[in-house]
Structure formats: C-alpha cells, structure tokens
C-alpha cells in the first residue's frame, strides 16, 4: 500500500473508484492495517457517475469527472490527486472487451496530472479477463503482479510494444 501511503506523504487526495459503497467499504476494511489513515484521507467515487449497465462506460464523462475531482482536491489544499480503481467492478457495467476499449482510450498517459492504479483481481474474475488480458496489459504503462507463480513476491515490469 505504498501507493496510498505516498499520497499521505505528498499531501495528495486519494479516491477509490468502485461500483458500490459496499465494495469501497470492503476495500477500506482490507487495507486498514496497511494504511491507518484510510478512513480520514480516502474518499469514494462510484462508477455509475460515468457508467451504466445499458450504456457501458462513458469516456468523456469519466474525463470530466476526473478533472472536477482534481480541481476540487486542489481547492481543498491538496497538492495532487490519486485514484485507485477496483477494476473488476467495471464488469458490473460492461464486458471485459468494453473495459479494454475504455483503457485503450485512456492510453498510457492520462491527460491530467494525477496518478492512477487499476487493480484487477484475476482470481475473483475467473476466466472473464482471459480473452483480453494481454491487450489489457498493453493498454497500461506499468504492471505489478501479486503472488506471481504462487510466490509472495510482487513483480513489476513494463510491456513494450
């Protein structure tokens, strides 16, 4: 959770993007030991602000929301803005192919000065990511794999096209 702890050190606002308040609360509960400041410093953005079960993910609405959250964080005196995305929650609104399309639209550089991590739980999603996983990895600039090959090591690398 150095990503979240780093936000505290740099006085950056942190938001968790998830599909529901329950999903957000579950995530907060899971990190409480690692990020004791979580309840005071981490806020929640619900995916339905730019997604719907009938229309999928709206890229323009997502960009607008990100810009407004960044501006709000600066007005509150924060130096920046970080977002942690519970990416499996996207599956509540679209298919894995829809998520891939959205991630490709975002590209490897987001148009606003903010940090973001997309957390995909492959074990929880079962085989739903299988068809798009390699392309999804290419849509992101860097990767961290937890428990690679059954180990407790985290592995980070960058995929070059």
C-alpha atoms as a PDB file:
ATOM      1  CA  UNK A   1       0.000   0.000   0.000  1.00  0.00           C
ATOM      2  CA  UNK A   2       2.937   2.313  -0.578  1.00  0.00           C
ATOM      3  CA  UNK A   3       0.847   3.971  -3.294  1.00  0.00           C
ATOM      4  CA  UNK A   4      -1.681   5.103  -0.681  1.00  0.00           C
ATOM      5  CA  UNK A   5       0.935   5.919   1.947  1.00  0.00           C
ATOM      6  CA  UNK A   6       2.807   8.003  -0.639  1.00  0.00           C
ATOM      7  CA  UNK A   7      -0.302  10.102  -1.127  1.00  0.00           C
ATOM      8  CA  UNK A   8      -0.304  10.981   2.551  1.00  0.00           C
ATOM      9  CA  UNK A   9       3.389  11.904   2.434  1.00  0.00           C
ATOM     10  CA  UNK A  10       2.825  14.157  -0.595  1.00  0.00           C
ATOM     11  CA  UNK A  11      -0.455  15.639   0.651  1.00  0.00           C
ATOM     12  CA  UNK A  12      -2.468  14.207  -2.216  1.00  0.00           C
ATOM     13  CA  UNK A  13      -6.166  13.380  -2.139  1.00  0.00           C
ATOM     14  CA  UNK A  14      -6.989   9.718  -2.684  1.00  0.00           C
ATOM     15  CA  UNK A  15     -10.187   8.334  -4.171  1.00  0.00           C
ATOM     16  CA  UNK A  16     -11.192   4.729  -4.637  1.00  0.00           C
ATOM     17  CA  UNK A  17     -13.240   4.116  -7.760  1.00  0.00           C
ATOM     18  CA  UNK A  18     -15.673   1.249  -7.289  1.00  0.00           C
ATOM     19  CA  UNK A  19     -19.134   0.122  -8.298  1.00  0.00           C
ATOM     20  CA  UNK A  20     -20.722   0.487  -4.872  1.00  0.00           C
ATOM     21  CA  UNK A  21     -20.301   1.828  -1.380  1.00  0.00           C
ATOM     22  CA  UNK A  22     -20.151  -1.779  -0.179  1.00  0.00           C
ATOM     23  CA  UNK A  23     -17.227  -2.588  -2.485  1.00  0.00           C
ATOM     24  CA  UNK A  24     -15.439   0.568  -1.290  1.00  0.00           C
ATOM     25  CA  UNK A  25     -16.060  -0.308   2.378  1.00  0.00           C
ATOM     26  CA  UNK A  26     -14.756  -3.845   1.826  1.00  0.00           C
ATOM     27  CA  UNK A  27     -11.596  -2.418   0.262  1.00  0.00           C
ATOM     28  CA  UNK A  28     -11.098   0.033   3.148  1.00  0.00           C
ATOM     29  CA  UNK A  29     -11.503  -2.785   5.634  1.00  0.00           C
ATOM     30  CA  UNK A  30      -8.885  -4.858   3.798  1.00  0.00           C
ATOM     31  CA  UNK A  31      -6.247  -2.085   3.867  1.00  0.00           C
ATOM     32  CA  UNK A  32      -6.838  -0.759   7.357  1.00  0.00           C
ATOM     33  CA  UNK A  33      -3.731  -2.480   8.725  1.00  0.00           C
ATOM     34  CA  UNK A  34      -1.537  -1.083   5.967  1.00  0.00           C
ATOM     35  CA  UNK A  35      -2.948   2.427   5.654  1.00  0.00           C
ATOM     36  CA  UNK A  36      -4.221   3.551   9.071  1.00  0.00           C
ATOM     37  CA  UNK A  37      -5.107   6.987   7.662  1.00  0.00           C
ATOM     38  CA  UNK A  38      -7.515   5.373   5.184  1.00  0.00           C
ATOM     39  CA  UNK A  39     -10.757   6.416   6.866  1.00  0.00           C
ATOM     40  CA  UNK A  40      -9.742  10.058   7.114  1.00  0.00           C
ATOM     41  CA  UNK A  41      -7.945  10.519   3.806  1.00  0.00           C
ATOM     42  CA  UNK A  42      -9.589   8.235   1.243  1.00  0.00           C
ATOM     43  CA  UNK A  43     -12.841   9.088  -0.483  1.00  0.00           C
ATOM     44  CA  UNK A  44     -15.155   7.148  -2.774  1.00  0.00           C
ATOM     45  CA  UNK A  45     -16.201   7.670  -6.379  1.00  0.00           C
ATOM     46  CA  UNK A  46     -18.976   5.465  -7.683  1.00  0.00           C
ATOM     47  CA  UNK A  47     -18.566   4.157 -11.219  1.00  0.00           C
ATOM     48  CA  UNK A  48     -22.191   4.925 -12.043  1.00  0.00           C
ATOM     49  CA  UNK A  49     -21.185   8.593 -12.336  1.00  0.00           C
ATOM     50  CA  UNK A  50     -19.786   7.714 -15.784  1.00  0.00           C
ATOM     51  CA  UNK A  51     -21.099   4.193 -16.419  1.00  0.00           C
ATOM     52  CA  UNK A  52     -24.419   2.452 -16.771  1.00  0.00           C
ATOM     53  CA  UNK A  53     -25.466  -1.144 -17.236  1.00  0.00           C
ATOM     54  CA  UNK A  54     -27.176  -0.258 -20.516  1.00  0.00           C
ATOM     55  CA  UNK A  55     -24.695   2.233 -21.990  1.00  0.00           C
ATOM     56  CA  UNK A  56     -21.394   0.893 -20.608  1.00  0.00           C
ATOM     57  CA  UNK A  57     -18.525   3.240 -19.763  1.00  0.00           C
ATOM     58  CA  UNK A  58     -18.694   6.854 -20.991  1.00  0.00           C
ATOM     59  CA  UNK A  59     -15.131   8.054 -21.660  1.00  0.00           C
ATOM     60  CA  UNK A  60     -15.960  11.763 -21.879  1.00  0.00           C
ATOM     61  CA  UNK A  61     -17.938  11.677 -18.628  1.00  0.00           C
ATOM     62  CA  UNK A  62     -15.013   9.849 -16.944  1.00  0.00           C
ATOM     63  CA  UNK A  63     -12.563  12.549 -18.072  1.00  0.00           C
ATOM     64  CA  UNK A  64     -14.879  15.306 -16.907  1.00  0.00           C
ATOM     65  CA  UNK A  65     -15.283  13.637 -13.516  1.00  0.00           C
ATOM     66  CA  UNK A  66     -11.516  13.200 -13.144  1.00  0.00           C
ATOM     67  CA  UNK A  67     -10.915  16.864 -13.959  1.00  0.00           C
ATOM     68  CA  UNK A  68     -13.549  18.044 -11.473  1.00  0.00           C
ATOM     69  CA  UNK A  69     -12.119  15.787  -8.723  1.00  0.00           C
ATOM     70  CA  UNK A  70      -8.598  17.092  -9.392  1.00  0.00           C
ATOM     71  CA  UNK A  71      -9.813  20.699  -9.261  1.00  0.00           C
ATOM     72  CA  UNK A  72     -11.740  20.016  -6.029  1.00  0.00           C
ATOM     73  CA  UNK A  73      -8.669  18.431  -4.417  1.00  0.00           C
ATOM     74  CA  UNK A  74      -6.566  21.497  -5.264  1.00  0.00           C
ATOM     75  CA  UNK A  75      -9.247  23.834  -3.865  1.00  0.00           C
ATOM     76  CA  UNK A  76      -9.144  21.840  -0.609  1.00  0.00           C
ATOM     77  CA  UNK A  77      -5.393  22.417  -0.332  1.00  0.00           C
ATOM     78  CA  UNK A  78      -4.120  19.066  -1.599  1.00  0.00           C
ATOM     79  CA  UNK A  79      -1.006  19.047  -3.778  1.00  0.00           C
ATOM     80  CA  UNK A  80      -2.429  16.439  -6.135  1.00  0.00           C
ATOM     81  CA  UNK A  81      -4.834  13.610  -6.688  1.00  0.00           C
ATOM     82  CA  UNK A  82      -4.509   9.813  -6.795  1.00  0.00           C
ATOM     83  CA  UNK A  83      -7.078   7.254  -7.761  1.00  0.00           C
ATOM     84  CA  UNK A  84      -7.175   3.540  -7.035  1.00  0.00           C
ATOM     85  CA  UNK A  85      -9.551   1.680  -9.334  1.00  0.00           C
ATOM     86  CA  UNK A  86     -11.172  -1.572  -8.271  1.00  0.00           C
ATOM     87  CA  UNK A  87     -11.206  -2.596 -11.912  1.00  0.00           C
ATOM     88  CA  UNK A  88     -13.184  -5.822 -11.524  1.00  0.00           C
ATOM     89  CA  UNK A  89     -16.092  -3.568 -10.593  1.00  0.00           C
ATOM     90  CA  UNK A  90     -16.155  -2.367 -14.217  1.00  0.00           C
ATOM     91  CA  UNK A  91     -17.669  -5.771 -15.015  1.00  0.00           C
ATOM     92  CA  UNK A  92     -20.859  -4.555 -13.306  1.00  0.00           C
ATOM     93  CA  UNK A  93     -21.256  -2.115 -16.212  1.00  0.00           C
ATOM     94  CA  UNK A  94     -19.650  -3.653 -19.263  1.00  0.00           C
ATOM     95  CA  UNK A  95     -17.858  -6.643 -20.707  1.00  0.00           C
ATOM     96  CA  UNK A  96     -14.092  -7.237 -20.471  1.00  0.00           C
ATOM     97  CA  UNK A  97     -13.919  -6.042 -24.092  1.00  0.00           C
ATOM     98  CA  UNK A  98     -15.671  -2.818 -23.024  1.00  0.00           C
ATOM     99  CA  UNK A  99     -13.102  -2.304 -20.263  1.00  0.00           C
ATOM    100  CA  UNK A 100     -10.305  -2.898 -22.779  1.00  0.00           C
ATOM    101  CA  UNK A 101     -11.813  -0.300 -25.125  1.00  0.00           C
ATOM    102  CA  UNK A 102     -12.029   2.197 -22.239  1.00  0.00           C
ATOM    103  CA  UNK A 103      -8.437   1.523 -21.153  1.00  0.00           C
ATOM    104  CA  UNK A 104      -7.188   1.975 -24.716  1.00  0.00           C
ATOM    105  CA  UNK A 105      -8.993   5.322 -24.891  1.00  0.00           C
ATOM    106  CA  UNK A 106      -7.216   6.418 -21.726  1.00  0.00           C
ATOM    107  CA  UNK A 107      -3.913   5.387 -23.229  1.00  0.00           C
ATOM    108  CA  UNK A 108      -0.749   5.125 -21.236  1.00  0.00           C
ATOM    109  CA  UNK A 109      -0.784   8.795 -20.271  1.00  0.00           C
ATOM    110  CA  UNK A 110      -3.825  10.308 -18.650  1.00  0.00           C
ATOM    111  CA  UNK A 111      -4.449  13.904 -19.848  1.00  0.00           C
ATOM    112  CA  UNK A 112      -4.444  15.353 -16.303  1.00  0.00           C
ATOM    113  CA  UNK A 113      -1.591  15.407 -13.761  1.00  0.00           C
ATOM    114  CA  UNK A 114      -2.743  12.667 -11.442  1.00  0.00           C
ATOM    115  CA  UNK A 115      -1.708   9.126 -10.546  1.00  0.00           C
ATOM    116  CA  UNK A 116      -3.867   6.070 -11.059  1.00  0.00           C
ATOM    117  CA  UNK A 117      -3.687   2.360 -10.387  1.00  0.00           C
ATOM    118  CA  UNK A 118      -6.112  -0.156 -11.867  1.00  0.00           C
ATOM    119  CA  UNK A 119      -6.361  -3.215  -9.628  1.00  0.00           C
ATOM    120  CA  UNK A 120      -7.590  -6.296 -11.495  1.00  0.00           C
ATOM    121  CA  UNK A 121      -8.305  -9.342  -9.347  1.00  0.00           C
ATOM    122  CA  UNK A 122      -7.886 -12.151 -11.844  1.00  0.00           C
ATOM    123  CA  UNK A 123      -8.704 -14.842  -9.300  1.00  0.00           C
ATOM    124  CA  UNK A 124     -12.022 -13.225  -8.368  1.00  0.00           C
ATOM    125  CA  UNK A 125     -12.990 -12.630 -12.005  1.00  0.00           C
ATOM    126  CA  UNK A 126     -12.471 -16.217 -13.021  1.00  0.00           C
ATOM    127  CA  UNK A 127     -11.938 -16.571 -16.756  1.00  0.00           C
ATOM    128  CA  UNK A 128     -13.707 -13.329 -17.683  1.00  0.00           C
ATOM    129  CA  UNK A 129     -10.437 -11.462 -18.379  1.00  0.00           C
ATOM    130  CA  UNK A 130      -8.789 -14.317 -20.323  1.00  0.00           C
ATOM    131  CA  UNK A 131      -9.665 -13.138 -23.840  1.00  0.00           C
ATOM    132  CA  UNK A 132      -8.451  -9.556 -23.313  1.00  0.00           C
ATOM    133  CA  UNK A 133      -5.708  -9.908 -20.696  1.00  0.00           C
ATOM    134  CA  UNK A 134      -2.678  -9.420 -22.954  1.00  0.00           C
ATOM    135  CA  UNK A 135      -4.230  -6.433 -24.722  1.00  0.00           C
ATOM    136  CA  UNK A 136      -5.297  -5.020 -21.357  1.00  0.00           C
ATOM    137  CA  UNK A 137      -1.704  -5.262 -20.129  1.00  0.00           C
ATOM    138  CA  UNK A 138      -0.527  -3.405 -23.235  1.00  0.00           C
ATOM    139  CA  UNK A 139      -3.037  -0.608 -22.547  1.00  0.00           C
ATOM    140  CA  UNK A 140      -1.341   0.130 -19.209  1.00  0.00           C
ATOM    141  CA  UNK A 141       2.123   1.631 -18.824  1.00  0.00           C
ATOM    142  CA  UNK A 142       3.404  -0.496 -15.929  1.00  0.00           C
ATOM    143  CA  UNK A 143       2.304  -3.625 -14.088  1.00  0.00           C
ATOM    144  CA  UNK A 144       2.575  -5.103 -10.622  1.00  0.00           C
ATOM    145  CA  UNK A 145       1.761  -8.761 -10.151  1.00  0.00           C
ATOM    146  CA  UNK A 146       0.985 -10.052  -6.680  1.00  0.00           C
ATOM    147  CA  UNK A 147       1.861 -13.635  -5.820  1.00  0.00           C
ATOM    148  CA  UNK A 148       3.377 -14.426  -9.225  1.00  0.00           C
ATOM    149  CA  UNK A 149       3.800 -18.185  -9.732  1.00  0.00           C
ATOM    150  CA  UNK A 150       2.482 -18.900  -6.259  1.00  0.00           C
ATOM    151  CA  UNK A 151       5.133 -16.794  -4.530  1.00  0.00           C
ATOM    152  CA  UNK A 152       4.723 -13.905  -2.126  1.00  0.00           C
ATOM    153  CA  UNK A 153       6.819 -11.619  -4.341  1.00  0.00           C
ATOM    154  CA  UNK A 154       5.430  -8.680  -6.248  1.00  0.00           C
ATOM    155  CA  UNK A 155       6.815  -8.294  -9.743  1.00  0.00           C
ATOM    156  CA  UNK A 156       6.649  -5.036 -11.672  1.00  0.00           C
ATOM    157  CA  UNK A 157       7.595  -4.601 -15.307  1.00  0.00           C
ATOM    158  CA  UNK A 158       6.728  -2.588 -18.365  1.00  0.00           C
ATOM    159  CA  UNK A 159       5.466  -4.087 -21.604  1.00  0.00           C
ATOM    160  CA  UNK A 160       6.955  -2.580 -24.730  1.00  0.00           C
ATOM    161  CA  UNK A 161       5.051  -2.789 -27.997  1.00  0.00           C
END
